[in-house]
Protein backbone atom coordinates (compact mmCIF):
# COMPACT_ATOMS: atom_id res chain seq x y z
CA UNK A 1 0.00 0.00 0.00
CA UNK A 2 2.96 2.36 0.46
CA UNK A 3 4.77 1.67 -2.81
CA UNK A 4 5.28 4.95 -4.64
CA UNK A 5 3.79 7.02 -1.82
CA UNK A 6 5.42 10.27 -0.76
CA UNK A 7 5.81 10.23 3.03
CA UNK A 8 7.00 13.41 4.75
CA UNK A 9 8.42 12.56 8.17
CA UNK A 10 8.63 15.22 10.85
CA UNK A 11 11.03 14.54 13.72
CA UNK A 12 10.85 16.57 16.95
CA UNK A 13 13.12 16.88 19.99
CA UNK A 14 12.39 13.68 21.89
CA UNK A 15 14.62 10.88 23.12
CA UNK A 16 12.44 8.67 20.89
CA UNK A 17 13.92 10.42 17.84
CA UNK A 18 16.30 7.49 17.47
CA UNK A 19 13.30 5.40 16.31
CA UNK A 20 13.00 7.66 13.27
CA UNK A 21 15.97 5.84 11.73
CA UNK A 22 14.17 2.49 11.95
CA UNK A 23 10.94 4.07 10.76
CA UNK A 24 12.59 5.50 7.63
CA UNK A 25 14.21 2.17 6.84
CA UNK A 26 10.83 0.38 7.10
CA UNK A 27 9.05 2.97 4.95
CA UNK A 28 11.71 2.79 2.25
CA UNK A 29 11.56 -1.00 2.37
CA UNK A 30 7.80 -0.77 1.71
CA UNK A 31 8.53 1.26 -1.43
CA UNK A 32 7.76 4.74 -0.10
CA UNK A 33 9.79 7.84 -0.91
CA UNK A 34 10.65 9.56 2.35
CA UNK A 35 11.73 13.11 3.04
CA UNK A 36 12.49 14.40 6.51
CA UNK A 37 11.95 17.72 8.23
CA UNK A 38 13.40 18.18 11.72
CA UNK A 39 13.02 20.73 14.48
CA UNK A 40 16.29 22.35 15.57
CA UNK A 41 16.16 20.51 18.90
CA UNK A 42 15.69 17.14 17.18
CA UNK A 43 19.27 17.44 15.89
CA UNK A 44 20.45 17.06 19.51
CA UNK A 45 18.98 13.54 19.63
CA UNK A 46 19.81 12.15 16.20
CA UNK A 47 22.03 13.57 13.46
CA UNK A 48 20.66 14.80 10.13
CA UNK A 49 23.41 12.80 8.44
CA UNK A 50 21.94 9.53 9.73
CA UNK A 51 18.46 10.34 8.49
CA UNK A 52 19.71 11.73 5.18
CA UNK A 53 21.64 8.53 4.53
CA UNK A 54 18.58 6.36 5.22
CA UNK A 55 16.06 8.52 3.36
CA UNK A 56 18.45 9.34 0.47
CA UNK A 57 17.33 12.98 0.60
CA UNK A 58 18.78 16.08 2.30
CA UNK A 59 17.28 16.80 5.72
CA UNK A 60 15.38 20.07 6.10
CA UNK A 61 15.58 22.00 9.36
CA UNK A 62 15.65 25.72 8.59
CA UNK A 63 13.53 27.92 6.37
CA UNK A 64 16.54 28.59 4.17
CA UNK A 65 20.07 27.28 3.69
CA UNK A 66 22.43 29.78 5.41
CA UNK A 67 25.24 28.83 3.02
CA UNK A 68 23.57 29.81 -0.25
CA UNK A 69 20.22 31.30 0.78
CA UNK A 70 18.22 28.54 -0.92
CA UNK A 71 14.62 28.62 0.35
CA UNK A 72 12.99 25.49 1.79
CA UNK A 73 9.36 25.91 0.83
CA UNK A 74 6.91 24.51 3.36
CA UNK A 75 4.18 24.92 0.74
CA UNK A 76 6.01 22.72 -1.75
CA UNK A 77 6.62 20.09 0.94
CA UNK A 78 2.92 20.01 1.81
CA UNK A 79 1.99 19.65 -1.85
CA UNK A 80 4.56 16.87 -2.42
CA UNK A 81 3.45 14.66 0.45
CA UNK A 82 0.78 11.96 0.29
CA UNK A 83 0.95 11.79 4.08
CA UNK A 84 2.68 13.88 6.75
CA UNK A 85 3.83 11.80 9.71
CA UNK A 86 5.24 13.50 12.81
CA UNK A 87 7.06 10.88 14.86
CA UNK A 88 8.03 11.42 17.57
CA UNK A 89 5.63 14.26 18.40
CA UNK A 90 6.46 16.00 21.67
CA UNK A 91 3.93 17.67 23.98
CA UNK A 92 5.40 21.02 22.90
CA UNK A 93 4.89 20.34 19.19
CA UNK A 94 1.36 19.00 19.77
CA UNK A 95 0.50 22.15 21.71
CA UNK A 96 1.83 24.36 18.94
CA UNK A 97 -0.06 22.40 16.30
CA UNK A 98 -3.28 22.74 18.29
CA UNK A 99 -2.68 26.48 18.72
CA UNK A 100 -1.64 27.17 15.13
CA UNK A 101 1.88 28.29 16.08
CA UNK A 102 4.28 28.37 13.14
CA UNK A 103 7.76 29.05 14.52
CA UNK A 104 9.72 26.36 12.69
CA UNK A 105 9.72 24.61 9.33
CA UNK A 106 8.00 21.48 10.67
CA UNK A 107 5.05 23.51 11.97
CA UNK A 108 4.66 25.78 8.96
CA UNK A 109 4.61 22.66 6.80
CA UNK A 110 1.83 21.22 9.01
CA UNK A 111 -0.26 24.35 8.51
CA UNK A 112 0.29 24.15 4.75
CA UNK A 113 -0.26 20.41 4.34
CA UNK A 114 -3.18 19.30 2.18
CA UNK A 115 -2.50 15.62 2.81
CA UNK A 116 -3.59 13.51 5.80
CA UNK A 117 -1.54 14.16 8.94
CA UNK A 118 -0.51 11.53 11.49
CA UNK A 119 1.18 12.14 14.85
CA UNK A 120 2.87 9.60 17.12
CA UNK A 121 3.17 11.19 20.57
CA UNK A 122 6.19 10.50 22.78
CA UNK A 123 6.62 11.93 26.27
CA UNK A 124 6.63 11.07 29.96
CA UNK A 125 3.45 9.57 31.38
CA UNK A 126 2.45 12.64 33.42
CA UNK A 127 2.93 14.93 30.44
CA UNK A 128 0.81 12.64 28.29
CA UNK A 129 -1.93 12.34 30.91
CA UNK A 130 -2.00 16.09 31.63
CA UNK A 131 -5.31 17.71 30.79
CA UNK A 132 -3.59 20.25 28.52
CA UNK A 133 -2.02 17.52 26.38
CA UNK A 134 -5.27 15.57 26.20
CA UNK A 135 -7.18 18.70 25.20
CA UNK A 136 -4.63 19.40 22.48
CA UNK A 137 -4.93 15.84 21.16
CA UNK A 138 -8.71 16.26 21.18
CA UNK A 139 -8.42 19.45 19.12
CA UNK A 140 -6.18 17.71 16.60
CA UNK A 141 -8.54 14.72 16.31
CA UNK A 142 -11.42 17.08 15.59
CA UNK A 143 -9.30 18.54 12.78
CA UNK A 144 -8.84 15.08 11.26
CA UNK A 145 -5.30 14.54 12.51
CA UNK A 146 -4.82 10.79 13.11
CA UNK A 147 -3.29 9.99 16.50
CA UNK A 148 -1.14 6.87 16.65
CA UNK A 149 -1.54 6.05 20.31
CA UNK A 150 1.59 5.77 22.46
CA UNK A 151 2.34 2.53 24.24
CA UNK A 152 2.77 1.65 27.90
CA UNK A 153 6.18 0.64 29.21
CA UNK A 154 9.38 1.92 30.75
CA UNK A 155 10.06 5.55 29.89
CA UNK A 156 13.28 7.55 29.69
CA UNK A 157 12.55 8.97 33.16
CA UNK A 158 12.61 5.47 34.62
CA UNK A 159 8.89 5.57 35.29
CA UNK A 160 6.51 3.03 33.80
CA UNK A 161 3.32 4.10 32.07
CA UNK A 162 1.74 5.33 28.84
CA UNK A 163 3.86 7.67 26.76
CA UNK A 164 6.31 5.53 24.77
CA UNK A 165 6.22 6.30 21.07
CA UNK A 166 4.59 3.45 19.17
CA UNK A 167 7.08 1.05 17.65
CA UNK A 168 8.00 1.85 14.02
CA UNK A 169 6.34 -1.35 12.78
CA UNK A 170 3.01 -0.27 14.25
CA UNK A 171 3.34 3.20 12.77
CA UNK A 172 3.93 1.73 9.32
CA UNK A 173 0.90 -0.52 9.82
CA UNK A 174 -1.23 2.54 10.65
CA UNK A 175 -0.21 4.20 7.39
CA UNK A 176 -0.87 1.01 5.46
CA UNK A 177 -4.36 0.73 6.98
CA UNK A 178 -5.13 4.31 6.02
CA UNK A 179 -4.02 3.92 2.40
CA UNK A 180 -5.80 0.56 2.23
CA UNK A 181 -9.01 2.26 3.32
CA UNK A 182 -8.53 4.95 0.69
CA UNK A 183 -8.34 2.28 -1.99
CA UNK A 184 -11.60 0.77 -0.76
CA UNK A 185 -14.26 3.42 -1.30
CA UNK A 186 -16.96 0.98 -2.32
CA UNK A 187 -19.45 2.29 0.25
CA UNK A 188 -19.55 5.85 -1.08
CA UNK A 189 -23.15 7.02 -1.14
CA UNK A 190 -24.28 4.47 1.47
CA UNK A 191 -25.75 5.53 4.82
CA UNK A 192 -25.22 3.13 7.71
CA UNK A 193 -26.03 3.17 11.41
CA UNK A 194 -23.86 1.55 14.09
CA UNK A 195 -24.90 1.09 17.71
CA UNK A 196 -22.05 0.79 20.20
CA UNK A 197 -21.11 0.71 23.85
CA UNK A 198 -23.18 -0.09 26.95
CA UNK A 199 -26.40 1.41 28.22
CA UNK A 200 -27.05 2.55 31.78
CA UNK A 201 -30.37 1.91 33.51
CA UNK A 202 -30.90 4.26 36.45
CA UNK A 203 -31.86 2.89 39.89
CA UNK A 204 -31.65 6.24 41.65
CA UNK A 205 -29.70 9.48 41.00
CA UNK A 206 -26.33 7.82 41.82
CA UNK A 207 -26.70 4.14 40.88
CA UNK A 208 -27.36 2.30 37.64
CA UNK A 209 -27.30 -1.13 35.99
CA UNK A 210 -24.81 -1.54 33.15
CA UNK A 211 -22.23 -3.92 31.69
CA UNK A 212 -18.53 -4.07 30.80
CA UNK A 213 -18.75 -3.00 27.15
CA UNK A 214 -16.03 -0.51 26.18
CA UNK A 215 -17.54 0.34 22.78
CA UNK A 216 -14.22 -0.38 21.00
CA UNK A 217 -15.67 -2.86 18.48
CA UNK A 218 -18.52 -0.57 17.47
CA UNK A 219 -16.26 2.45 17.12
CA UNK A 220 -13.79 0.46 15.01
CA UNK A 221 -16.68 -0.57 12.73
CA UNK A 222 -17.89 3.02 12.42
CA UNK A 223 -14.43 4.23 11.44
CA UNK A 224 -13.87 1.43 8.93
CA UNK A 225 -17.25 2.12 7.29
CA UNK A 226 -16.42 5.83 7.10
CA UNK A 227 -12.99 5.05 5.63
CA UNK A 228 -14.75 3.25 2.79
CA UNK A 229 -16.90 6.25 1.99
CA UNK A 230 -20.10 5.53 3.93
CA UNK A 231 -22.00 8.19 5.81
CA UNK A 232 -22.06 6.77 9.34
CA UNK A 233 -24.44 7.41 12.23
CA UNK A 234 -22.92 6.14 15.48
CA UNK A 235 -25.52 5.75 18.24
CA UNK A 236 -23.38 5.23 21.32
CA UNK A 237 -23.89 4.60 24.98
CA UNK A 238 -21.46 6.10 27.53
CA UNK A 239 -17.82 5.38 26.64
CA UNK A 240 -14.39 6.93 27.08
CA UNK A 241 -13.75 6.84 23.32
CA UNK A 242 -13.49 9.62 20.77
CA UNK A 243 -14.51 9.31 17.14
CA UNK A 244 -13.06 10.81 14.00
CA UNK A 245 -14.65 13.83 12.38
CA UNK A 246 -17.11 12.98 9.64
CA UNK A 247 -18.99 10.40 11.70
CA UNK A 248 -22.35 11.54 13.08
CA UNK A 249 -22.12 10.72 16.79
CA UNK A 250 -25.37 10.45 18.72
CA UNK A 251 -24.83 10.02 22.46
CA UNK A 252 -27.44 8.20 24.53
CA UNK A 253 -27.50 6.75 28.03
CA UNK A 254 -30.39 4.35 28.51
CA UNK A 255 -31.80 1.49 26.45
CA UNK A 256 -34.96 3.54 25.89
CA UNK A 257 -32.96 6.44 24.48
CA UNK A 258 -31.01 4.11 22.18
CA UNK A 259 -34.27 2.52 21.04
CA UNK A 260 -35.81 5.88 20.18
CA UNK A 261 -32.81 7.20 18.29
CA UNK A 262 -32.16 3.93 16.43
CA UNK A 263 -35.79 3.70 15.31
CA UNK A 264 -35.63 7.33 14.19
CA UNK A 265 -32.43 6.96 12.15
CA UNK A 266 -32.79 3.45 10.68
CA UNK A 267 -35.49 4.23 8.07
CA UNK A 268 -33.17 6.79 6.43
CA UNK A 269 -30.24 4.37 6.08
CA UNK A 270 -29.16 1.46 3.91
CA UNK A 271 -28.64 -0.70 6.96
CA UNK A 272 -27.48 -1.02 10.54
CA UNK A 273 -24.88 -2.89 12.57
CA UNK A 274 -26.19 -3.65 16.06
CA UNK A 275 -22.99 -3.79 18.10
CA UNK A 276 -24.17 -2.15 21.35
CA UNK A 277 -24.50 -4.14 24.57
CA UNK A 278 -28.03 -3.00 25.39
CA UNK A 279 -29.53 -3.79 28.80
CA UNK A 280 -32.26 -6.45 28.56
CA UNK A 281 -33.93 -5.20 31.75
CA UNK A 282 -34.43 -1.85 33.46
CA UNK A 283 -35.74 -0.99 36.94
CA UNK A 284 -39.53 -0.86 37.07
CA UNK A 285 -39.29 2.24 39.26
CA UNK A 286 -36.52 4.82 39.57
CA UNK A 287 -36.14 6.63 42.87
CA UNK A 288 -35.72 10.40 42.64
CA UNK A 289 -33.56 10.28 45.77
CA UNK A 290 -30.56 8.20 46.73
CA UNK A 291 -31.75 4.94 48.28
CA UNK A 292 -30.27 4.65 51.77
CA UNK A 293 -28.79 1.47 53.15
CA UNK A 294 -30.59 -0.21 56.06
CA UNK A 295 -30.31 -3.54 57.85
CA UNK A 296 -32.87 -5.31 55.71
CA UNK A 297 -32.63 -6.93 52.29
CA UNK A 298 -33.59 -5.01 49.18
CA UNK A 299 -35.39 -6.39 46.15
CA UNK A 300 -35.14 -4.62 42.81
CA UNK A 301 -38.00 -5.23 40.37
CA UNK A 302 -36.97 -5.22 36.71
CA UNK A 303 -38.98 -5.01 33.51
CA UNK A 304 -37.84 -5.86 29.96
CA UNK A 305 -36.45 -3.10 27.74
CA UNK A 306 -37.42 -2.69 24.10
CA UNK A 307 -35.68 -5.18 21.81
CA UNK A 308 -34.10 -2.70 19.40
CA UNK A 309 -32.79 -5.23 16.90
CA UNK A 310 -36.08 -7.13 16.76
CA UNK A 311 -38.00 -3.90 16.18
CA UNK A 312 -35.70 -2.90 13.32
CA UNK A 313 -35.87 -6.43 11.91
CA UNK A 314 -39.67 -6.22 11.63
CA UNK A 315 -39.36 -3.11 9.48
CA UNK A 316 -36.06 -3.72 7.67
CA UNK A 317 -37.45 -4.15 4.16
CA UNK A 318 -34.46 -4.34 1.81
CA UNK A 319 -32.09 -2.78 4.35
CA UNK A 320 -29.11 -4.69 5.68
CA UNK A 321 -29.25 -5.67 9.35
CA UNK A 322 -26.21 -7.13 11.11
CA UNK A 323 -26.22 -8.41 14.67
CA UNK A 324 -23.76 -9.44 17.36
CA UNK A 325 -23.97 -12.33 19.79
CA UNK A 326 -21.66 -12.51 22.81
CA UNK A 327 -22.24 -15.90 24.41
CA UNK A 328 -20.90 -17.95 27.31
CA UNK A 329 -22.38 -21.36 26.41
CA UNK A 330 -24.10 -23.16 23.51
CA UNK A 331 -22.70 -20.36 21.39
CA UNK A 332 -23.71 -21.51 17.91
CA UNK A 333 -27.25 -22.59 18.78
CA UNK A 334 -27.93 -19.33 20.63
CA UNK A 335 -26.47 -17.27 17.77
CA UNK A 336 -28.49 -19.14 15.12
CA UNK A 337 -31.68 -18.60 17.12
CA UNK A 338 -30.94 -14.90 17.45
CA UNK A 339 -30.14 -14.66 13.72
CA UNK A 340 -33.57 -16.01 12.80
CA UNK A 341 -35.58 -14.34 15.54
CA UNK A 342 -34.33 -10.84 14.77
CA UNK A 343 -34.12 -11.27 10.99
CA UNK A 344 -30.44 -10.40 10.74
CA UNK A 345 -28.73 -10.87 7.39
CA UNK A 346 -25.76 -12.22 9.30
CA UNK A 347 -24.61 -12.31 12.89
CA UNK A 348 -21.15 -11.91 14.41
CA UNK A 349 -20.54 -14.44 17.17
CA UNK A 350 -17.89 -14.26 19.84
CA UNK A 351 -17.54 -16.20 23.04
CA UNK A 352 -16.33 -15.12 26.46
CA UNK A 353 -14.72 -18.55 26.66
CA UNK A 354 -12.21 -17.48 23.98
CA UNK A 355 -9.19 -15.75 25.50
CA UNK A 356 -8.79 -12.24 24.11
CA UNK A 357 -12.41 -11.88 22.97
CA UNK A 358 -15.27 -9.94 24.54
CA UNK A 359 -15.38 -6.83 26.70
CA UNK A 360 -12.55 -4.55 27.76
CA UNK A 361 -9.82 -5.84 25.42
CA UNK A 362 -8.36 -4.61 22.13
CA UNK A 363 -8.71 -7.97 20.37
CA UNK A 364 -11.58 -10.15 19.19
CA UNK A 365 -12.13 -13.63 17.80
CA UNK A 366 -15.29 -13.96 15.74
CA UNK A 367 -17.35 -16.31 13.62
CA UNK A 368 -19.78 -14.88 11.04
CA UNK A 369 -22.99 -16.91 10.68
CA UNK A 370 -25.24 -16.30 7.67
CA UNK A 371 -28.86 -17.14 6.97
CA UNK A 372 -27.90 -19.68 4.31
CA UNK A 373 -26.16 -21.72 6.99
CA UNK A 374 -22.59 -20.81 6.10
CA UNK A 375 -20.11 -20.04 8.87
CA UNK A 376 -16.75 -18.27 8.59
CA UNK A 377 -14.38 -18.37 11.56
CA UNK A 378 -11.59 -15.82 11.94
CA UNK A 379 -8.48 -16.02 14.16
CA UNK A 380 -7.81 -13.69 17.06
CA UNK A 381 -7.12 -10.20 15.70
CA UNK A 382 -7.17 -6.60 16.86
CA UNK A 383 -10.64 -5.08 16.88
CA UNK A 384 -9.61 -2.76 14.05
CA UNK A 385 -8.57 -5.75 11.95
CA UNK A 386 -11.78 -7.54 12.93
CA UNK A 387 -13.74 -4.50 11.77
CA UNK A 388 -12.09 -4.82 8.34
CA UNK A 389 -13.29 -8.44 8.08
CA UNK A 390 -16.85 -7.53 9.09
CA UNK A 391 -17.03 -4.53 6.76
CA UNK A 392 -15.72 -6.67 3.90
CA UNK A 393 -18.80 -8.85 4.42
CA UNK A 394 -21.08 -5.81 4.69
CA UNK A 395 -19.68 -4.35 1.49
CA UNK A 396 -20.23 -7.64 -0.32
CA UNK A 397 -23.86 -7.76 0.83
CA UNK A 398 -24.58 -4.15 -0.11
CA UNK A 399 -22.84 -4.18 -3.48
CA UNK A 400 -23.84 -7.71 -4.49
CA UNK A 401 -27.54 -8.04 -3.58
CA UNK A 402 -27.67 -11.56 -5.06
CA UNK A 403 -25.31 -12.70 -2.31
CA UNK A 404 -27.97 -12.04 0.34
CA UNK A 405 -30.12 -15.08 1.16
CA UNK A 406 -33.85 -14.51 0.80
CA UNK A 407 -36.03 -14.29 3.88
């Protein structure tokens, strides 16, 4: 995916700058043409000569060459690049990017870039966790800058935590995924809804019933659908996740709220992916005051919530409807029953008995079950890679109607 691509690499003043040498070597090996722009402080951590040798291009640091006055045009650099990758990206550089500061060649090139921009943060754990840094990252995300999340581990300070620059191999994989998504624009013109995350069912003003869903699988699906050109409506319960610009995010809390919004949006779409972990029951009565503890036992009466997927299934018409089944026993029989009962076109099954699958992890292991009886099992993968597999199936269904079994 990177062969022939023009990758502009920005290197800032971080101890992780040494990884830039490995990163350049990997990009060149993948067939990319790499040019490098450095901040003045970055030269204290790795020499321009090293990076010039690996990239086979002169390294740019200043606005002009003091020897002959030759101008280094940030505008031309931005026009040349197919992607601008800043790795490592320090807290200082991220703050300047968020604030629109342009006091070096790397930053002026960022402000001039017309290509997608990626940043790979690298800093100590407290700097990364600081509210200012997180707010700056949030601003950049909202401006369509892709954040390649740092990793947890031992840092230069000797502390252990999140802040290590992602390994060069993972950074290259992120670029490959992006360019792969650009090549797959088969869902342009399609409108799809994704439900994600948990719901919360209030007991009183301070307590609620919920589950362990993080929302990661649903968010990964929404982003993969959007990468392929679809207009995406993400109906999400409470999560700690952010979503890329261009996706319509609709925040809800309770199962009733998710039911209402899903029923409102679904008729205007080409289909829906029901990935949310929706509560099956909700308290029959909700106290308007905090329930105080006493010495006696306490019984909580529950009533069923609306079955969102079943309601959409009754009115799906020619729309695509995809379901999820997270099971702990008799997985296939339960999933098949759910597939038929809710009129899904196909259902994605995963089991809590499979290590690395389910709630609260970054991986998943799935089997796709279809109405014609076919089953396709996939190995354990990251949830982003799993989303690619699921969206491949969705794209096939939407673009090849004959592949969809009749009701």
